[in-house]
Amino acid sequence: MRILRSLLGAALVLASTATVVFVSADRLAHLAPTPVVRAAQAEPSATGSIPAPMKAAPAPKPAAPSIPNGFDTERLHALMRGDPILPGR
Protein backbone atom coordinates (compact mmCIF):
# COMPACT_ATOMS: atom_id res chain seq x y z
CA MET A 1 0.00 0.00 0.00
CA ARG A 2 2.92 2.36 0.73
CA ILE A 3 4.36 1.85 -2.74
CA LEU A 4 0.97 2.54 -4.31
CA ARG A 5 0.72 5.85 -2.43
CA SER A 6 4.26 6.78 -3.42
CA LEU A 7 3.61 5.92 -7.06
CA LEU A 8 0.37 7.91 -7.02
CA GLY A 9 2.16 10.91 -5.49
CA ALA A 10 4.97 10.67 -8.02
CA ALA A 11 2.46 10.43 -10.88
CA LEU A 12 0.63 13.49 -9.57
CA VAL A 13 3.86 15.49 -9.33
CA LEU A 14 4.88 14.35 -12.81
CA ALA A 15 1.49 15.29 -14.30
CA SER A 16 1.58 18.72 -12.62
CA THR A 17 5.11 19.37 -13.85
CA ALA A 18 4.22 18.28 -17.38
CA THR A 19 1.18 20.59 -17.34
CA VAL A 20 3.28 23.56 -16.25
CA VAL A 21 5.92 22.79 -18.90
CA PHE A 22 3.39 22.45 -21.74
CA VAL A 23 1.48 25.60 -20.76
CA SER A 24 4.73 27.57 -20.53
CA ALA A 25 5.86 26.28 -23.93
CA ASP A 26 2.50 27.23 -25.44
CA ARG A 27 2.68 30.74 -23.96
CA LEU A 28 6.22 31.22 -25.23
CA ALA A 29 5.22 30.03 -28.70
CA HIS A 30 2.41 32.61 -28.87
CA LEU A 31 4.28 35.70 -27.74
CA ALA A 32 3.36 39.02 -29.32
CA PRO A 33 4.96 39.43 -32.74
CA THR A 34 7.86 41.79 -33.07
CA PRO A 35 6.83 45.25 -34.26
CA VAL A 36 7.26 45.95 -37.96
CA VAL A 37 9.90 48.58 -38.62
CA ARG A 38 8.75 51.03 -41.26
CA ALA A 39 11.18 52.50 -43.73
CA ALA A 40 12.00 56.15 -43.17
CA GLN A 41 10.18 58.46 -45.57
CA ALA A 42 12.28 60.59 -47.84
CA GLU A 43 12.21 64.35 -47.63
CA PRO A 44 9.75 66.03 -50.06
CA SER A 45 12.63 67.91 -51.69
CA ALA A 46 14.36 64.62 -52.46
CA THR A 47 11.29 63.09 -54.12
CA GLY A 48 10.07 66.24 -55.89
CA SER A 49 6.67 66.06 -54.23
CA ILE A 50 4.83 68.91 -52.57
CA PRO A 51 3.91 68.37 -48.91
CA ALA A 52 0.19 68.34 -48.06
CA PRO A 53 -1.08 71.45 -46.25
CA MET A 54 -1.55 71.11 -42.53
CA LYS A 55 -5.16 71.01 -41.33
CA ALA A 56 -6.19 73.03 -38.32
CA ALA A 57 -7.16 71.05 -35.25
CA PRO A 58 -10.91 71.00 -34.59
CA ALA A 59 -12.13 73.30 -31.85
CA PRO A 60 -12.69 71.54 -28.54
CA LYS A 61 -16.30 70.89 -27.59
CA PRO A 62 -17.68 73.07 -24.82
CA ALA A 63 -17.65 71.37 -21.46
CA ALA A 64 -20.92 69.87 -20.27
CA PRO A 65 -22.47 71.55 -17.26
CA SER A 66 -20.87 70.04 -14.23
CA ILE A 67 -22.83 68.21 -11.61
CA PRO A 68 -22.40 69.93 -8.27
CA ASN A 69 -20.21 68.08 -5.84
CA GLY A 70 -21.73 66.87 -2.62
CA PHE A 71 -25.21 65.73 -1.76
CA ASP A 72 -28.45 67.72 -1.58
CA THR A 73 -29.36 66.97 2.02
CA GLU A 74 -32.26 69.43 2.10
CA ARG A 75 -33.97 67.61 -0.74
CA LEU A 76 -33.30 64.25 0.92
CA HIS A 77 -34.85 65.44 4.18
CA ALA A 78 -37.85 66.82 2.30
CA LEU A 79 -38.35 63.50 0.53
CA MET A 80 -38.06 61.62 3.82
CA ARG A 81 -40.68 63.90 5.40
CA GLY A 82 -43.00 63.14 2.46
CA ASP A 83 -43.02 66.62 0.96
CA PRO A 84 -44.13 66.64 -2.68
CA ILE A 85 -41.45 66.82 -5.35
CA LEU A 86 -41.57 70.28 -6.84
CA PRO A 87 -40.91 70.59 -10.59
CA GLY A 88 -37.91 72.65 -11.64
CA ARG A 89 -36.03 72.05 -8.47
PDB file of N, CA and C in Angstrom:
ATOM      1  N   MET A   1       0.823  -1.182   0.000  1.00  0.00           N
ATOM      2  CA  MET A   1       0.000   0.000   0.000  1.00  0.00           C
ATOM      3  C   MET A   1       0.876   1.258   0.000  1.00  0.00           C
ATOM      4  N   ARG A   2       2.031   1.212   0.694  1.00  0.00           N
ATOM      5  CA  ARG A   2       2.924   2.360   0.732  1.00  0.00           C
ATOM      6  C   ARG A   2       3.470   2.664  -0.653  1.00  0.00           C
ATOM      7  N   ILE A   3       3.813   1.641  -1.394  1.00  0.00           N
ATOM      8  CA  ILE A   3       4.363   1.849  -2.738  1.00  0.00           C
ATOM      9  C   ILE A   3       3.298   2.453  -3.643  1.00  0.00           C
ATOM     10  N   LEU A   4       2.057   2.014  -3.487  1.00  0.00           N
ATOM     11  CA  LEU A   4       0.971   2.539  -4.310  1.00  0.00           C
ATOM     12  C   LEU A   4       0.779   4.031  -4.049  1.00  0.00           C
ATOM     13  N   ARG A   5       0.829   4.428  -2.767  1.00  0.00           N
ATOM     14  CA  ARG A   5       0.720   5.851  -2.428  1.00  0.00           C
ATOM     15  C   ARG A   5       1.892   6.645  -2.976  1.00  0.00           C
ATOM     16  N   SER A   6       3.075   6.101  -2.890  1.00  0.00           N
ATOM     17  CA  SER A   6       4.261   6.780  -3.416  1.00  0.00           C
ATOM     18  C   SER A   6       4.186   6.918  -4.935  1.00  0.00           C
ATOM     19  N   LEU A   7       3.747   5.859  -5.602  1.00  0.00           N
ATOM     20  CA  LEU A   7       3.607   5.917  -7.059  1.00  0.00           C
ATOM     21  C   LEU A   7       2.531   6.920  -7.471  1.00  0.00           C
ATOM     22  N   LEU A   8       1.441   6.951  -6.727  1.00  0.00           N
ATOM     23  CA  LEU A   8       0.372   7.907  -7.016  1.00  0.00           C
ATOM     24  C   LEU A   8       0.860   9.340  -6.795  1.00  0.00           C
ATOM     25  N   GLY A   9       1.594   9.583  -5.742  1.00  0.00           N
ATOM     26  CA  GLY A   9       2.155  10.908  -5.490  1.00  0.00           C
ATOM     27  C   GLY A   9       3.144  11.318  -6.563  1.00  0.00           C
ATOM     28  N   ALA A  10       3.993  10.382  -6.962  1.00  0.00           N
ATOM     29  CA  ALA A  10       4.968  10.673  -8.019  1.00  0.00           C
ATOM     30  C   ALA A  10       4.271  10.961  -9.343  1.00  0.00           C
ATOM     31  N   ALA A  11       3.212  10.207  -9.637  1.00  0.00           N
ATOM     32  CA  ALA A  11       2.460  10.429 -10.879  1.00  0.00           C
ATOM     33  C   ALA A  11       1.779  11.797 -10.846  1.00  0.00           C
ATOM     34  N   LEU A  12       1.277  12.187  -9.695  1.00  0.00           N
ATOM     35  CA  LEU A  12       0.628  13.493  -9.569  1.00  0.00           C
ATOM     36  C   LEU A  12       1.637  14.628  -9.762  1.00  0.00           C
ATOM     37  N   VAL A  13       2.808  14.481  -9.161  1.00  0.00           N
ATOM     38  CA  VAL A  13       3.861  15.491  -9.329  1.00  0.00           C
ATOM     39  C   VAL A  13       4.314  15.546 -10.776  1.00  0.00           C
ATOM     40  N   LEU A  14       4.461  14.405 -11.418  1.00  0.00           N
ATOM     41  CA  LEU A  14       4.876  14.350 -12.812  1.00  0.00           C
ATOM     42  C   LEU A  14       3.824  14.986 -13.723  1.00  0.00           C
ATOM     43  N   ALA A  15       2.556  14.696 -13.481  1.00  0.00           N
ATOM     44  CA  ALA A  15       1.486  15.288 -14.298  1.00  0.00           C
ATOM     45  C   ALA A  15       1.426  16.807 -14.111  1.00  0.00           C
ATOM     46  N   SER A  16       1.597  17.276 -12.885  1.00  0.00           N
ATOM     47  CA  SER A  16       1.583  18.717 -12.617  1.00  0.00           C
ATOM     48  C   SER A  16       2.756  19.403 -13.302  1.00  0.00           C
ATOM     49  N   THR A  17       3.936  18.800 -13.213  1.00  0.00           N
ATOM     50  CA  THR A  17       5.115  19.375 -13.850  1.00  0.00           C
ATOM     51  C   THR A  17       4.961  19.408 -15.361  1.00  0.00           C
ATOM     52  N   ALA A  18       4.435  18.325 -15.926  1.00  0.00           N
ATOM     53  CA  ALA A  18       4.218  18.278 -17.375  1.00  0.00           C
ATOM     54  C   ALA A  18       3.220  19.346 -17.803  1.00  0.00           C
ATOM     55  N   THR A  19       2.174  19.562 -17.021  1.00  0.00           N
ATOM     56  CA  THR A  19       1.182  20.590 -17.343  1.00  0.00           C
ATOM     57  C   THR A  19       1.820  21.966 -17.341  1.00  0.00           C
ATOM     58  N   VAL A  20       2.612  22.268 -16.329  1.00  0.00           N
ATOM     59  CA  VAL A  20       3.281  23.563 -16.253  1.00  0.00           C
ATOM     60  C   VAL A  20       4.228  23.748 -17.432  1.00  0.00           C
ATOM     61  N   VAL A  21       4.968  22.703 -17.790  1.00  0.00           N
ATOM     62  CA  VAL A  21       5.919  22.792 -18.901  1.00  0.00           C
ATOM     63  C   VAL A  21       5.183  23.029 -20.223  1.00  0.00           C
ATOM     64  N   PHE A  22       4.111  22.291 -20.481  1.00  0.00           N
ATOM     65  CA  PHE A  22       3.388  22.448 -21.739  1.00  0.00           C
ATOM     66  C   PHE A  22       2.691  23.802 -21.841  1.00  0.00           C
ATOM     67  N   VAL A  23       2.119  24.278 -20.739  1.00  0.00           N
ATOM     68  CA  VAL A  23       1.477  25.598 -20.757  1.00  0.00           C
ATOM     69  C   VAL A  23       2.517  26.684 -20.978  1.00  0.00           C
ATOM     70  N   SER A  24       3.668  26.571 -20.336  1.00  0.00           N
ATOM     71  CA  SER A  24       4.727  27.570 -20.527  1.00  0.00           C
ATOM     72  C   SER A  24       5.226  27.560 -21.966  1.00  0.00           C
ATOM     73  N   ALA A  25       5.406  26.369 -22.539  1.00  0.00           N
ATOM     74  CA  ALA A  25       5.861  26.278 -23.926  1.00  0.00           C
ATOM     75  C   ALA A  25       4.832  26.886 -24.872  1.00  0.00           C
ATOM     76  N   ASP A  26       3.551  26.661 -24.592  1.00  0.00           N
ATOM     77  CA  ASP A  26       2.503  27.231 -25.443  1.00  0.00           C
ATOM     78  C   ASP A  26       2.494  28.749 -25.339  1.00  0.00           C
ATOM     79  N   ARG A  27       2.643  29.286 -24.132  1.00  0.00           N
ATOM     80  CA  ARG A  27       2.677  30.744 -23.956  1.00  0.00           C
ATOM     81  C   ARG A  27       3.877  31.353 -24.672  1.00  0.00           C
ATOM     82  N   LEU A  28       5.019  30.705 -24.579  1.00  0.00           N
ATOM     83  CA  LEU A  28       6.218  31.224 -25.231  1.00  0.00           C
ATOM     84  C   LEU A  28       6.097  31.162 -26.749  1.00  0.00           C
ATOM     85  N   ALA A  29       5.383  30.169 -27.252  1.00  0.00           N
ATOM     86  CA  ALA A  29       5.220  30.029 -28.698  1.00  0.00           C
ATOM     87  C   ALA A  29       4.271  31.091 -29.247  1.00  0.00           C
ATOM     88  N   HIS A  30       3.399  31.632 -28.410  1.00  0.00           N
ATOM     89  CA  HIS A  30       2.415  32.615 -28.874  1.00  0.00           C
ATOM     90  C   HIS A  30       2.686  34.004 -28.331  1.00  0.00           C
ATOM     91  N   LEU A  31       3.940  34.350 -28.189  1.00  0.00           N
ATOM     92  CA  LEU A  31       4.280  35.699 -27.739  1.00  0.00           C
ATOM     93  C   LEU A  31       3.848  36.715 -28.787  1.00  0.00           C
ATOM     94  N   ALA A  32       3.736  37.956 -28.389  1.00  0.00           N
ATOM     95  CA  ALA A  32       3.365  39.021 -29.324  1.00  0.00           C
ATOM     96  C   ALA A  32       4.423  39.126 -30.416  1.00  0.00           C
ATOM     97  N   PRO A  33       3.985  39.324 -31.655  1.00  0.00           N
ATOM     98  CA  PRO A  33       4.961  39.426 -32.740  1.00  0.00           C
ATOM     99  C   PRO A  33       5.808  40.684 -32.591  1.00  0.00           C
ATOM    100  N   THR A  34       6.984  40.628 -33.145  1.00  0.00           N
ATOM    101  CA  THR A  34       7.860  41.791 -33.074  1.00  0.00           C
ATOM    102  C   THR A  34       7.277  42.910 -33.917  1.00  0.00           C
ATOM    103  N   PRO A  35       7.401  44.150 -33.493  1.00  0.00           N
ATOM    104  CA  PRO A  35       6.828  45.252 -34.261  1.00  0.00           C
ATOM    105  C   PRO A  35       7.523  45.401 -35.615  1.00  0.00           C
ATOM    106  N   VAL A  36       6.732  45.769 -36.608  1.00  0.00           N
ATOM    107  CA  VAL A  36       7.263  45.945 -37.956  1.00  0.00           C
ATOM    108  C   VAL A  36       7.932  47.310 -38.027  1.00  0.00           C
ATOM    109  N   VAL A  37       9.158  47.329 -38.490  1.00  0.00           N
ATOM    110  CA  VAL A  37       9.898  48.578 -38.618  1.00  0.00           C
ATOM    111  C   VAL A  37       9.593  49.159 -39.989  1.00  0.00           C
ATOM    112  N   ARG A  38       9.077  50.375 -39.996  1.00  0.00           N
ATOM    113  CA  ARG A  38       8.748  51.030 -41.257  1.00  0.00           C
ATOM    114  C   ARG A  38       9.975  51.754 -41.793  1.00  0.00           C
ATOM    115  N   ALA A  39      10.067  51.790 -43.102  1.00  0.00           N
ATOM    116  CA  ALA A  39      11.177  52.501 -43.731  1.00  0.00           C
ATOM    117  C   ALA A  39      10.986  54.003 -43.533  1.00  0.00           C
ATOM    118  N   ALA A  40      12.064  54.701 -43.357  1.00  0.00           N
ATOM    119  CA  ALA A  40      12.004  56.149 -43.171  1.00  0.00           C
ATOM    120  C   ALA A  40      11.556  56.797 -44.476  1.00  0.00           C
ATOM    121  N   GLN A  41      10.655  57.775 -44.376  1.00  0.00           N
ATOM    122  CA  GLN A  41      10.185  58.464 -45.565  1.00  0.00           C
ATOM    123  C   GLN A  41      11.211  59.503 -45.997  1.00  0.00           C
ATOM    124  N   ALA A  42      11.328  59.625 -47.295  1.00  0.00           N
ATOM    125  CA  ALA A  42      12.284  60.587 -47.844  1.00  0.00           C
ATOM    126  C   ALA A  42      11.729  61.994 -47.711  1.00  0.00           C
ATOM    127  N   GLU A  43      12.607  62.957 -47.693  1.00  0.00           N
ATOM    128  CA  GLU A  43      12.208  64.352 -47.631  1.00  0.00           C
ATOM    129  C   GLU A  43      11.469  64.728 -48.916  1.00  0.00           C
ATOM    130  N   PRO A  44      10.476  65.635 -48.849  1.00  0.00           N
ATOM    131  CA  PRO A  44       9.755  66.027 -50.059  1.00  0.00           C
ATOM    132  C   PRO A  44      10.668  66.623 -51.126  1.00  0.00           C
ATOM    133  N   SER A  45      11.736  67.321 -50.698  1.00  0.00           N
ATOM    134  CA  SER A  45      12.627  67.915 -51.690  1.00  0.00           C
ATOM    135  C   SER A  45      13.400  66.836 -52.447  1.00  0.00           C
ATOM    136  N   ALA A  46      13.623  65.702 -51.807  1.00  0.00           N
ATOM    137  CA  ALA A  46      14.363  64.624 -52.462  1.00  0.00           C
ATOM    138  C   ALA A  46      13.494  63.881 -53.465  1.00  0.00           C
ATOM    139  N   THR A  47      12.178  63.835 -53.224  1.00  0.00           N
ATOM    140  CA  THR A  47      11.294  63.094 -54.120  1.00  0.00           C
ATOM    141  C   THR A  47      10.636  64.003 -55.145  1.00  0.00           C
ATOM    142  N   GLY A  48      10.706  65.313 -54.963  1.00  0.00           N
ATOM    143  CA  GLY A  48      10.075  66.238 -55.889  1.00  0.00           C
ATOM    144  C   GLY A  48       8.598  66.428 -55.622  1.00  0.00           C
ATOM    145  N   SER A  49       8.093  65.908 -54.528  1.00  0.00           N
ATOM    146  CA  SER A  49       6.668  66.060 -54.229  1.00  0.00           C
ATOM    147  C   SER A  49       6.437  67.299 -53.369  1.00  0.00           C
ATOM    148  N   ILE A  50       5.205  67.739 -53.365  1.00  0.00           N
ATOM    149  CA  ILE A  50       4.826  68.910 -52.571  1.00  0.00           C
ATOM    150  C   ILE A  50       4.132  68.402 -51.314  1.00  0.00           C
ATOM    151  N   PRO A  51       4.540  68.860 -50.130  1.00  0.00           N
ATOM    152  CA  PRO A  51       3.905  68.371 -48.907  1.00  0.00           C
ATOM    153  C   PRO A  51       2.454  68.848 -48.823  1.00  0.00           C
ATOM    154  N   ALA A  52       1.606  68.009 -48.230  1.00  0.00           N
ATOM    155  CA  ALA A  52       0.192  68.339 -48.061  1.00  0.00           C
ATOM    156  C   ALA A  52       0.071  69.459 -47.030  1.00  0.00           C
ATOM    157  N   PRO A  53      -0.906  70.365 -47.228  1.00  0.00           N
ATOM    158  CA  PRO A  53      -1.078  71.447 -46.245  1.00  0.00           C
ATOM    159  C   PRO A  53      -1.564  70.890 -44.915  1.00  0.00           C
ATOM    160  N   MET A  54      -1.159  71.541 -43.865  1.00  0.00           N
ATOM    161  CA  MET A  54      -1.555  71.112 -42.527  1.00  0.00           C
ATOM    162  C   MET A  54      -2.980  71.563 -42.264  1.00  0.00           C
ATOM    163  N   LYS A  55      -3.781  70.671 -41.679  1.00  0.00           N
ATOM    164  CA  LYS A  55      -5.161  71.007 -41.326  1.00  0.00           C
ATOM    165  C   LYS A  55      -5.176  71.534 -39.894  1.00  0.00           C
ATOM    166  N   ALA A  56      -6.058  72.482 -39.669  1.00  0.00           N
ATOM    167  CA  ALA A  56      -6.193  73.031 -38.325  1.00  0.00           C
ATOM    168  C   ALA A  56      -6.907  72.018 -37.443  1.00  0.00           C
ATOM    169  N   ALA A  57      -6.519  71.961 -36.194  1.00  0.00           N
ATOM    170  CA  ALA A  57      -7.162  71.049 -35.254  1.00  0.00           C
ATOM    171  C   ALA A  57      -8.581  71.524 -34.987  1.00  0.00           C
ATOM    172  N   PRO A  58      -9.531  70.587 -34.865  1.00  0.00           N
ATOM    173  CA  PRO A  58     -10.912  70.998 -34.587  1.00  0.00           C
ATOM    174  C   PRO A  58     -11.010  71.649 -33.217  1.00  0.00           C
ATOM    175  N   ALA A  59     -11.937  72.585 -33.115  1.00  0.00           N
ATOM    176  CA  ALA A  59     -12.125  73.296 -31.852  1.00  0.00           C
ATOM    177  C   ALA A  59     -12.652  72.327 -30.805  1.00  0.00           C
ATOM    178  N   PRO A  60     -12.190  72.442 -29.570  1.00  0.00           N
ATOM    179  CA  PRO A  60     -12.695  71.539 -28.536  1.00  0.00           C
ATOM    180  C   PRO A  60     -14.163  71.815 -28.249  1.00  0.00           C
ATOM    181  N   LYS A  61     -14.878  70.754 -27.905  1.00  0.00           N
ATOM    182  CA  LYS A  61     -16.298  70.885 -27.586  1.00  0.00           C
ATOM    183  C   LYS A  61     -16.437  71.605 -26.245  1.00  0.00           C
ATOM    184  N   PRO A  62     -17.485  72.408 -26.112  1.00  0.00           N
ATOM    185  CA  PRO A  62     -17.680  73.073 -24.816  1.00  0.00           C
ATOM    186  C   PRO A  62     -17.968  72.031 -23.731  1.00  0.00           C
ATOM    187  N   ALA A  63     -17.490  72.308 -22.562  1.00  0.00           N
ATOM    188  CA  ALA A  63     -17.654  71.366 -21.457  1.00  0.00           C
ATOM    189  C   ALA A  63     -19.121  71.279 -21.057  1.00  0.00           C
ATOM    190  N   ALA A  64     -19.556  70.081 -20.722  1.00  0.00           N
ATOM    191  CA  ALA A  64     -20.921  69.872 -20.268  1.00  0.00           C
ATOM    192  C   ALA A  64     -21.075  70.515 -18.897  1.00  0.00           C
ATOM    193  N   PRO A  65     -22.280  70.961 -18.589  1.00  0.00           N
ATOM    194  CA  PRO A  65     -22.467  71.553 -17.258  1.00  0.00           C
ATOM    195  C   PRO A  65     -22.121  70.532 -16.185  1.00  0.00           C
ATOM    196  N   SER A  66     -21.352  70.977 -15.241  1.00  0.00           N
ATOM    197  CA  SER A  66     -20.869  70.039 -14.226  1.00  0.00           C
ATOM    198  C   SER A  66     -21.950  69.779 -13.184  1.00  0.00           C
ATOM    199  N   ILE A  67     -21.916  68.584 -12.669  1.00  0.00           N
ATOM    200  CA  ILE A  67     -22.831  68.205 -11.605  1.00  0.00           C
ATOM    201  C   ILE A  67     -22.215  68.718 -10.313  1.00  0.00           C
ATOM    202  N   PRO A  68     -22.992  69.387  -9.499  1.00  0.00           N
ATOM    203  CA  PRO A  68     -22.403  69.932  -8.266  1.00  0.00           C
ATOM    204  C   PRO A  68     -21.910  68.805  -7.369  1.00  0.00           C
ATOM    205  N   ASN A  69     -20.764  69.059  -6.760  1.00  0.00           N
ATOM    206  CA  ASN A  69     -20.207  68.076  -5.836  1.00  0.00           C
ATOM    207  C   ASN A  69     -21.008  68.085  -4.551  1.00  0.00           C
ATOM    208  N   GLY A  70     -21.028  66.963  -3.884  1.00  0.00           N
ATOM    209  CA  GLY A  70     -21.725  66.872  -2.619  1.00  0.00           C
ATOM    210  C   GLY A  70     -23.105  66.275  -2.796  1.00  0.00           C
ATOM    211  N   PHE A  71     -23.899  66.356  -1.767  1.00  0.00           N
ATOM    212  CA  PHE A  71     -25.209  65.729  -1.755  1.00  0.00           C
ATOM    213  C   PHE A  71     -26.228  66.753  -1.289  1.00  0.00           C
ATOM    214  N   ASP A  72     -27.391  66.768  -1.925  1.00  0.00           N
ATOM    215  CA  ASP A  72     -28.446  67.720  -1.585  1.00  0.00           C
ATOM    216  C   ASP A  72     -29.218  67.179  -0.379  1.00  0.00           C
ATOM    217  N   THR A  73     -28.731  67.518   0.814  1.00  0.00           N
ATOM    218  CA  THR A  73     -29.355  66.969   2.016  1.00  0.00           C
ATOM    219  C   THR A  73     -30.728  67.569   2.276  1.00  0.00           C
ATOM    220  N   GLU A  74     -30.944  68.828   1.888  1.00  0.00           N
ATOM    221  CA  GLU A  74     -32.264  69.431   2.099  1.00  0.00           C
ATOM    222  C   GLU A  74     -33.328  68.685   1.314  1.00  0.00           C
ATOM    223  N   ARG A  75     -33.005  68.335   0.076  1.00  0.00           N
ATOM    224  CA  ARG A  75     -33.968  67.607  -0.745  1.00  0.00           C
ATOM    225  C   ARG A  75     -34.202  66.213  -0.172  1.00  0.00           C
ATOM    226  N   LEU A  76     -33.150  65.574   0.321  1.00  0.00           N
ATOM    227  CA  LEU A  76     -33.301  64.252   0.919  1.00  0.00           C
ATOM    228  C   LEU A  76     -34.210  64.317   2.133  1.00  0.00           C
ATOM    229  N   HIS A  77     -34.008  65.316   2.988  1.00  0.00           N
ATOM    230  CA  HIS A  77     -34.854  65.444   4.183  1.00  0.00           C
ATOM    231  C   HIS A  77     -36.300  65.721   3.797  1.00  0.00           C
ATOM    232  N   ALA A  78     -36.489  66.530   2.751  1.00  0.00           N
ATOM    233  CA  ALA A  78     -37.848  66.822   2.303  1.00  0.00           C
ATOM    234  C   ALA A  78     -38.513  65.558   1.774  1.00  0.00           C
ATOM    235  N   LEU A  79     -37.789  64.748   1.041  1.00  0.00           N
ATOM    236  CA  LEU A  79     -38.350  63.505   0.531  1.00  0.00           C
ATOM    237  C   LEU A  79     -38.657  62.533   1.658  1.00  0.00           C
ATOM    238  N   MET A  80     -37.814  62.520   2.694  1.00  0.00           N
ATOM    239  CA  MET A  80     -38.056  61.618   3.822  1.00  0.00           C
ATOM    240  C   MET A  80     -39.259  62.069   4.634  1.00  0.00           C
ATOM    241  N   ARG A  81     -39.503  63.391   4.695  1.00  0.00           N
ATOM    242  CA  ARG A  81     -40.682  63.901   5.399  1.00  0.00           C
ATOM    243  C   ARG A  81     -41.957  63.651   4.619  1.00  0.00           C
ATOM    244  N   GLY A  82     -41.824  63.384   3.291  1.00  0.00           N
ATOM    245  CA  GLY A  82     -43.004  63.140   2.463  1.00  0.00           C
ATOM    246  C   GLY A  82     -43.463  64.374   1.740  1.00  0.00           C
ATOM    247  N   ASP A  83     -42.655  65.425   1.709  1.00  0.00           N
ATOM    248  CA  ASP A  83     -43.022  66.620   0.964  1.00  0.00           C
ATOM    249  C   ASP A  83     -43.115  66.274  -0.515  1.00  0.00           C
ATOM    250  N   PRO A  84     -44.030  66.923  -1.243  1.00  0.00           N
ATOM    251  CA  PRO A  84     -44.129  66.638  -2.677  1.00  0.00           C
ATOM    252  C   PRO A  84     -42.883  67.122  -3.432  1.00  0.00           C
ATOM    253  N   ILE A  85     -42.585  66.448  -4.529  1.00  0.00           N
ATOM    254  CA  ILE A  85     -41.450  66.824  -5.351  1.00  0.00           C
ATOM    255  C   ILE A  85     -41.885  67.980  -6.227  1.00  0.00           C
ATOM    256  N   LEU A  86     -41.210  69.103  -6.089  1.00  0.00           N
ATOM    257  CA  LEU A  86     -41.566  70.281  -6.843  1.00  0.00           C
ATOM    258  C   LEU A  86     -40.860  70.272  -8.197  1.00  0.00           C
ATOM    259  N   PRO A  87     -41.578  70.567  -9.288  1.00  0.00           N
ATOM    260  CA  PRO A  87     -40.910  70.589 -10.588  1.00  0.00           C
ATOM    261  C   PRO A  87     -39.936  71.757 -10.704  1.00  0.00           C
ATOM    262  N   GLY A  88     -38.884  71.580 -11.443  1.00  0.00           N
ATOM    263  CA  GLY A  88     -37.910  72.652 -11.641  1.00  0.00           C
ATOM    264  C   GLY A  88     -36.919  72.793 -10.515  1.00  0.00           C
ATOM    265  N   ARG A  89     -36.992  71.960  -9.561  1.00  0.00           N
ATOM    266  CA  ARG A  89     -36.029  72.052  -8.471  1.00  0.00           C
ATOM    267  C   ARG A  89     -35.315  70.762  -8.257  1.00  0.00           C
TER     268      ARG A  89
END
